C-alpha atoms as a PDB file:
ATOM      1  CA  UNK A   1     -14.340 -41.637 -27.162  1.00  0.00           C
ATOM      2  CA  UNK A   2     -14.330 -40.036 -23.709  1.00  0.00           C
ATOM      3  CA  UNK A   3     -10.558 -40.346 -23.280  1.00  0.00           C
ATOM      4  CA  UNK A   4      -9.694 -37.542 -25.748  1.00  0.00           C
ATOM      5  CA  UNK A   5     -12.102 -35.210 -23.966  1.00  0.00           C
ATOM      6  CA  UNK A   6     -10.514 -36.027 -20.610  1.00  0.00           C
ATOM      7  CA  UNK A   7      -7.024 -35.410 -22.023  1.00  0.00           C
ATOM      8  CA  UNK A   8      -8.099 -32.079 -23.513  1.00  0.00           C
ATOM      9  CA  UNK A   9      -9.693 -31.026 -20.234  1.00  0.00           C
ATOM     10  CA  UNK A  10      -6.559 -31.979 -18.258  1.00  0.00           C
ATOM     11  CA  UNK A  11      -4.289 -30.220 -20.734  1.00  0.00           C
ATOM     12  CA  UNK A  12      -6.364 -27.021 -20.620  1.00  0.00           C
ATOM     13  CA  UNK A  13      -6.388 -27.144 -16.810  1.00  0.00           C
ATOM     14  CA  UNK A  14      -2.614 -27.540 -16.791  1.00  0.00           C
ATOM     15  CA  UNK A  15      -2.093 -24.646 -19.215  1.00  0.00           C
ATOM     16  CA  UNK A  16      -4.358 -22.268 -17.275  1.00  0.00           C
ATOM     17  CA  UNK A  17      -2.794 -23.184 -13.923  1.00  0.00           C
ATOM     18  CA  UNK A  18       0.718 -22.436 -15.194  1.00  0.00           C
ATOM     19  CA  UNK A  19       0.050 -18.702 -15.221  1.00  0.00           C
ATOM     20  CA  UNK A  20       2.530 -15.980 -14.465  1.00  0.00           C
ATOM     21  CA  UNK A  21       3.829 -15.764 -10.888  1.00  0.00           C
ATOM     22  CA  UNK A  22       2.632 -12.837  -8.782  1.00  0.00           C
ATOM     23  CA  UNK A  23       5.136  -9.966  -8.730  1.00  0.00           C
ATOM     24  CA  UNK A  24       6.008  -9.620  -5.007  1.00  0.00           C
ATOM     25  CA  UNK A  25       6.545  -5.849  -5.404  1.00  0.00           C
ATOM     26  CA  UNK A  26       3.408  -4.983  -7.413  1.00  0.00           C
ATOM     27  CA  UNK A  27       0.811  -2.782  -5.696  1.00  0.00           C
ATOM     28  CA  UNK A  28      -2.789  -3.250  -6.832  1.00  0.00           C
ATOM     29  CA  UNK A  29      -6.155  -2.252  -5.376  1.00  0.00           C
ATOM     30  CA  UNK A  30      -6.725  -5.549  -3.529  1.00  0.00           C
ATOM     31  CA  UNK A  31      -3.150  -6.759  -3.047  1.00  0.00           C
ATOM     32  CA  UNK A  32       0.514  -5.954  -2.637  1.00  0.00           C
ATOM     33  CA  UNK A  33       2.380  -8.891  -4.113  1.00  0.00           C
ATOM     34  CA  UNK A  34       1.000 -11.997  -2.367  1.00  0.00           C
ATOM     35  CA  UNK A  35      -0.413  -9.913   0.493  1.00  0.00           C
ATOM     36  CA  UNK A  36      -4.147  -9.406  -0.096  1.00  0.00           C
ATOM     37  CA  UNK A  37      -6.944  -7.466   1.554  1.00  0.00           C
ATOM     38  CA  UNK A  38      -8.078 -10.734   3.191  1.00  0.00           C
ATOM     39  CA  UNK A  39      -4.651 -11.924   4.406  1.00  0.00           C
ATOM     40  CA  UNK A  40      -4.679 -12.636   8.128  1.00  0.00           C
ATOM     41  CA  UNK A  41      -1.922 -11.777  10.605  1.00  0.00           C
ATOM     42  CA  UNK A  42      -1.151 -15.471  11.099  1.00  0.00           C
ATOM     43  CA  UNK A  43      -0.375 -15.855   7.363  1.00  0.00           C
ATOM     44  CA  UNK A  44       2.418 -13.263   7.261  1.00  0.00           C
ATOM     45  CA  UNK A  45       5.192 -15.759   8.005  1.00  0.00           C
ATOM     46  CA  UNK A  46       4.263 -17.721   4.878  1.00  0.00           C
ATOM     47  CA  UNK A  47       4.077 -14.671   2.625  1.00  0.00           C
ATOM     48  CA  UNK A  48       7.287 -13.083   3.917  1.00  0.00           C
ATOM     49  CA  UNK A  49       9.176 -16.302   4.677  1.00  0.00           C
ATOM     50  CA  UNK A  50      12.554 -14.804   3.636  1.00  0.00           C
ATOM     51  CA  UNK A  51      11.977 -11.529   5.472  1.00  0.00           C
ATOM     52  CA  UNK A  52      11.860 -10.388   9.086  1.00  0.00           C
ATOM     53  CA  UNK A  53       8.526  -9.575  10.732  1.00  0.00           C
ATOM     54  CA  UNK A  54       8.475  -7.299  13.769  1.00  0.00           C
ATOM     55  CA  UNK A  55       5.265  -7.196  15.782  1.00  0.00           C
ATOM     56  CA  UNK A  56       5.179  -4.546  18.491  1.00  0.00           C
ATOM     57  CA  UNK A  57       2.538  -4.899  21.169  1.00  0.00           C
ATOM     58  CA  UNK A  58       2.800  -2.159  23.749  1.00  0.00           C
ATOM     59  CA  UNK A  59       0.675  -1.025  26.635  1.00  0.00           C
ATOM     60  CA  UNK A  60      -2.467   0.947  25.814  1.00  0.00           C
ATOM     61  CA  UNK A  61      -1.374   3.940  27.856  1.00  0.00           C
ATOM     62  CA  UNK A  62       1.222   5.080  25.315  1.00  0.00           C
ATOM     63  CA  UNK A  63       0.429   3.376  22.009  1.00  0.00           C
ATOM     64  CA  UNK A  64      -3.286   4.225  21.863  1.00  0.00           C
ATOM     65  CA  UNK A  65      -4.016   0.697  20.640  1.00  0.00           C
ATOM     66  CA  UNK A  66      -1.610   0.954  17.701  1.00  0.00           C
ATOM     67  CA  UNK A  67      -0.309  -2.468  16.816  1.00  0.00           C
ATOM     68  CA  UNK A  68       1.637  -2.127  13.571  1.00  0.00           C
ATOM     69  CA  UNK A  69       3.554  -5.053  12.152  1.00  0.00           C
ATOM     70  CA  UNK A  70       6.695  -4.084  10.263  1.00  0.00           C
ATOM     71  CA  UNK A  71       8.330  -6.181   7.552  1.00  0.00           C
ATOM     72  CA  UNK A  72      12.058  -5.907   6.784  1.00  0.00           C
ATOM     73  CA  UNK A  73      14.045  -7.683   4.097  1.00  0.00           C
ATOM     74  CA  UNK A  74      17.058  -9.854   4.922  1.00  0.00           C
ATOM     75  CA  UNK A  75      19.351  -6.789   4.595  1.00  0.00           C
ATOM     76  CA  UNK A  76      17.378  -4.856   7.222  1.00  0.00           C
ATOM     77  CA  UNK A  77      15.588  -2.526   4.783  1.00  0.00           C
ATOM     78  CA  UNK A  78      12.079  -1.598   5.912  1.00  0.00           C
ATOM     79  CA  UNK A  79       9.526  -2.818   3.368  1.00  0.00           C
ATOM     80  CA  UNK A  80       6.019  -2.421   4.768  1.00  0.00           C
ATOM     81  CA  UNK A  81       4.186  -1.416   7.924  1.00  0.00           C
ATOM     82  CA  UNK A  82       0.897  -3.279   8.320  1.00  0.00           C
ATOM     83  CA  UNK A  83      -2.012  -2.213  10.526  1.00  0.00           C
ATOM     84  CA  UNK A  84      -4.328  -5.065  11.579  1.00  0.00           C
ATOM     85  CA  UNK A  85      -8.045  -4.387  11.961  1.00  0.00           C
ATOM     86  CA  UNK A  86      -7.956  -5.781  15.513  1.00  0.00           C
ATOM     87  CA  UNK A  87      -5.184  -5.583  18.048  1.00  0.00           C
ATOM     88  CA  UNK A  88      -3.492  -8.862  19.086  1.00  0.00           C
ATOM     89  CA  UNK A  89      -5.783 -11.030  16.944  1.00  0.00           C
ATOM     90  CA  UNK A  90      -3.998 -13.543  14.699  1.00  0.00           C
ATOM     91  CA  UNK A  91      -7.110 -13.953  12.537  1.00  0.00           C
ATOM     92  CA  UNK A  92      -7.484 -10.238  11.844  1.00  0.00           C
ATOM     93  CA  UNK A  93      -7.041  -8.917   8.319  1.00  0.00           C
ATOM     94  CA  UNK A  94      -5.253  -5.619   7.644  1.00  0.00           C
ATOM     95  CA  UNK A  95      -6.973  -2.256   7.387  1.00  0.00           C
ATOM     96  CA  UNK A  96      -3.990  -0.400   5.921  1.00  0.00           C
ATOM     97  CA  UNK A  97      -0.475  -0.914   4.643  1.00  0.00           C
ATOM     98  CA  UNK A  98       2.166   1.787   4.625  1.00  0.00           C
ATOM     99  CA  UNK A  99       4.603   1.305   1.761  1.00  0.00           C
ATOM    100  CA  UNK A 100       8.147   2.019   2.985  1.00  0.00           C
ATOM    101  CA  UNK A 101      10.351   0.730   0.156  1.00  0.00           C
ATOM    102  CA  UNK A 102      10.450   2.453  -3.251  1.00  0.00           C
ATOM    103  CA  UNK A 103      10.802  -0.928  -4.996  1.00  0.00           C
ATOM    104  CA  UNK A 104       7.076  -1.475  -4.396  1.00  0.00           C
ATOM    105  CA  UNK A 105       5.242   0.079  -7.366  1.00  0.00           C
ATOM    106  CA  UNK A 106       1.763   0.234  -8.804  1.00  0.00           C
ATOM    107  CA  UNK A 107       1.057  -1.065 -12.296  1.00  0.00           C
ATOM    108  CA  UNK A 108       1.567   2.526 -13.484  1.00  0.00           C
ATOM    109  CA  UNK A 109       4.965   2.847 -11.772  1.00  0.00           C
ATOM    110  CA  UNK A 110       3.959   4.931  -8.732  1.00  0.00           C
ATOM    111  CA  UNK A 111       6.050   4.411  -5.578  1.00  0.00           C
ATOM    112  CA  UNK A 112       7.259   6.275  -2.504  1.00  0.00           C
ATOM    113  CA  UNK A 113       9.823   7.969  -4.784  1.00  0.00           C
ATOM    114  CA  UNK A 114       7.123   9.471  -7.026  1.00  0.00           C
ATOM    115  CA  UNK A 115       6.202  13.126  -7.366  1.00  0.00           C
ATOM    116  CA  UNK A 116       2.747  14.687  -7.364  1.00  0.00           C
ATOM    117  CA  UNK A 117       2.857  15.120 -11.154  1.00  0.00           C
ATOM    118  CA  UNK A 118       3.593  11.413 -11.637  1.00  0.00           C
ATOM    119  CA  UNK A 119       0.627  10.499  -9.424  1.00  0.00           C
ATOM    120  CA  UNK A 120      -1.647  12.975 -11.200  1.00  0.00           C
ATOM    121  CA  UNK A 121      -0.575  11.726 -14.641  1.00  0.00           C
ATOM    122  CA  UNK A 122      -1.146   8.084 -13.668  1.00  0.00           C
ATOM    123  CA  UNK A 123      -4.404   8.312 -11.685  1.00  0.00           C
ATOM    124  CA  UNK A 124      -7.444  10.455 -11.132  1.00  0.00           C
ATOM    125  CA  UNK A 125      -7.141  12.395  -7.867  1.00  0.00           C
ATOM    126  CA  UNK A 126     -10.262  11.665  -5.787  1.00  0.00           C
ATOM    127  CA  UNK A 127      -9.727  14.095  -2.928  1.00  0.00           C
ATOM    128  CA  UNK A 128      -7.154  16.387  -1.321  1.00  0.00           C
ATOM    129  CA  UNK A 129      -7.290  16.855   2.450  1.00  0.00           C
ATOM    130  CA  UNK A 130      -5.579  19.791   4.139  1.00  0.00           C
ATOM    131  CA  UNK A 131      -4.045  18.737   7.470  1.00  0.00           C
ATOM    132  CA  UNK A 132      -1.817  20.598   9.951  1.00  0.00           C
ATOM    133  CA  UNK A 133       1.623  19.765   8.497  1.00  0.00           C
ATOM    134  CA  UNK A 134       0.715  17.910   5.332  1.00  0.00           C
ATOM    135  CA  UNK A 135      -1.850  17.285   2.642  1.00  0.00           C
ATOM    136  CA  UNK A 136      -3.276  13.875   1.791  1.00  0.00           C
ATOM    137  CA  UNK A 137      -3.926  13.078  -1.848  1.00  0.00           C
ATOM    138  CA  UNK A 138      -6.423  10.219  -2.207  1.00  0.00           C
ATOM    139  CA  UNK A 139      -6.666   7.945  -5.237  1.00  0.00           C
ATOM    140  CA  UNK A 140      -9.744   5.727  -5.053  1.00  0.00           C
ATOM    141  CA  UNK A 141      -8.704   3.699  -8.143  1.00  0.00           C
ATOM    142  CA  UNK A 142      -6.106   1.867  -6.025  1.00  0.00           C
ATOM    143  CA  UNK A 143      -7.364   2.634  -2.484  1.00  0.00           C
ATOM    144  CA  UNK A 144      -4.282   4.798  -1.941  1.00  0.00           C
ATOM    145  CA  UNK A 145      -3.423   7.900   0.038  1.00  0.00           C
ATOM    146  CA  UNK A 146      -0.250   9.881  -0.566  1.00  0.00           C
ATOM    147  CA  UNK A 147       0.922  12.291   2.110  1.00  0.00           C
ATOM    148  CA  UNK A 148       2.864  15.349   0.947  1.00  0.00           C
ATOM    149  CA  UNK A 149       4.611  17.593   3.479  1.00  0.00           C
ATOM    150  CA  UNK A 150       3.368  21.182   3.411  1.00  0.00           C
ATOM    151  CA  UNK A 151       6.998  22.290   3.087  1.00  0.00           C
ATOM    152  CA  UNK A 152       6.634  21.167  -0.546  1.00  0.00           C
ATOM    153  CA  UNK A 153       3.807  23.697  -1.098  1.00  0.00           C
ATOM    154  CA  UNK A 154       3.981  27.438  -1.799  1.00  0.00           C
ATOM    155  CA  UNK A 155       4.165  29.541   1.381  1.00  0.00           C
ATOM    156  CA  UNK A 156       0.607  30.886   1.008  1.00  0.00           C
ATOM    157  CA  UNK A 157      -0.798  27.333   1.314  1.00  0.00           C
ATOM    158  CA  UNK A 158       1.190  26.090   4.293  1.00  0.00           C
ATOM    159  CA  UNK A 159      -0.440  27.655   7.314  1.00  0.00           C
ATOM    160  CA  UNK A 160      -4.213  27.879   6.811  1.00  0.00           C
ATOM    161  CA  UNK A 161      -5.913  24.531   7.455  1.00  0.00           C
ATOM    162  CA  UNK A 162      -9.232  25.930   6.256  1.00  0.00           C
ATOM    163  CA  UNK A 163      -8.004  26.445   2.705  1.00  0.00           C
ATOM    164  CA  UNK A 164      -9.364  24.118   0.080  1.00  0.00           C
ATOM    165  CA  UNK A 165      -6.268  23.015  -1.809  1.00  0.00           C
ATOM    166  CA  UNK A 166      -6.706  22.154  -5.471  1.00  0.00           C
ATOM    167  CA  UNK A 167      -4.471  19.870  -7.529  1.00  0.00           C
ATOM    168  CA  UNK A 168      -3.416  22.827  -9.693  1.00  0.00           C
ATOM    169  CA  UNK A 169      -1.894  24.517  -6.610  1.00  0.00           C
ATOM    170  CA  UNK A 170       0.421  21.612  -5.760  1.00  0.00           C
ATOM    171  CA  UNK A 171       3.860  21.843  -7.416  1.00  0.00           C
ATOM    172  CA  UNK A 172       4.575  19.084  -9.940  1.00  0.00           C
ATOM    173  CA  UNK A 173       7.820  18.161  -8.170  1.00  0.00           C
ATOM    174  CA  UNK A 174       6.240  17.825  -4.692  1.00  0.00           C
ATOM    175  CA  UNK A 175       7.582  14.583  -3.218  1.00  0.00           C
ATOM    176  CA  UNK A 176       5.576  11.860  -1.534  1.00  0.00           C
ATOM    177  CA  UNK A 177       6.326  11.604   2.175  1.00  0.00           C
ATOM    178  CA  UNK A 178       4.075   8.609   2.956  1.00  0.00           C
ATOM    179  CA  UNK A 179       2.225   6.129   0.740  1.00  0.00           C
ATOM    180  CA  UNK A 180      -0.680   4.100   2.189  1.00  0.00           C
ATOM    181  CA  UNK A 181      -3.008   1.464   0.774  1.00  0.00           C
ATOM    182  CA  UNK A 182      -6.340   1.167   2.605  1.00  0.00           C
ATOM    183  CA  UNK A 183      -8.439  -1.986   2.741  1.00  0.00           C
ATOM    184  CA  UNK A 184     -11.877  -2.041   4.330  1.00  0.00           C
END
């Protein structure tokens, strides 16, 4: 009598564990492929076993404690630049990831090759920051920040950092310069 129940339980466990593999190029709020917001530096070699990982540790006097880890594919194409929470700590998780390769896309198809209109159509814009040479468009839905060069903006918006730039003022075809995912 108990054997059929055991077989049913094992079969259901087997079926649920045979789920779809994680898309290694899919960007989501808590992960980029198999890389998650809790992945530690020491785990990178397992996640990117077919890729090249470059870890630069320089002196504090010039790098200002920046310790990015870059990931390249086997053809030498830059994929990601990872910023650990703590410098030179193999157990540190990552605070941000800069997406370098346009093959990495969100579920709604946004990548480094996207335009402002594509971002605006796919997600709600949370905030727009006006910096010296660029603007940063934040999307809280996916913990993302998209940097757009001010050269993409109309001339009257390029030079005054005190201006409050609205989404309606940004040209639809403005290209993304940098794409970051932030994890805290």
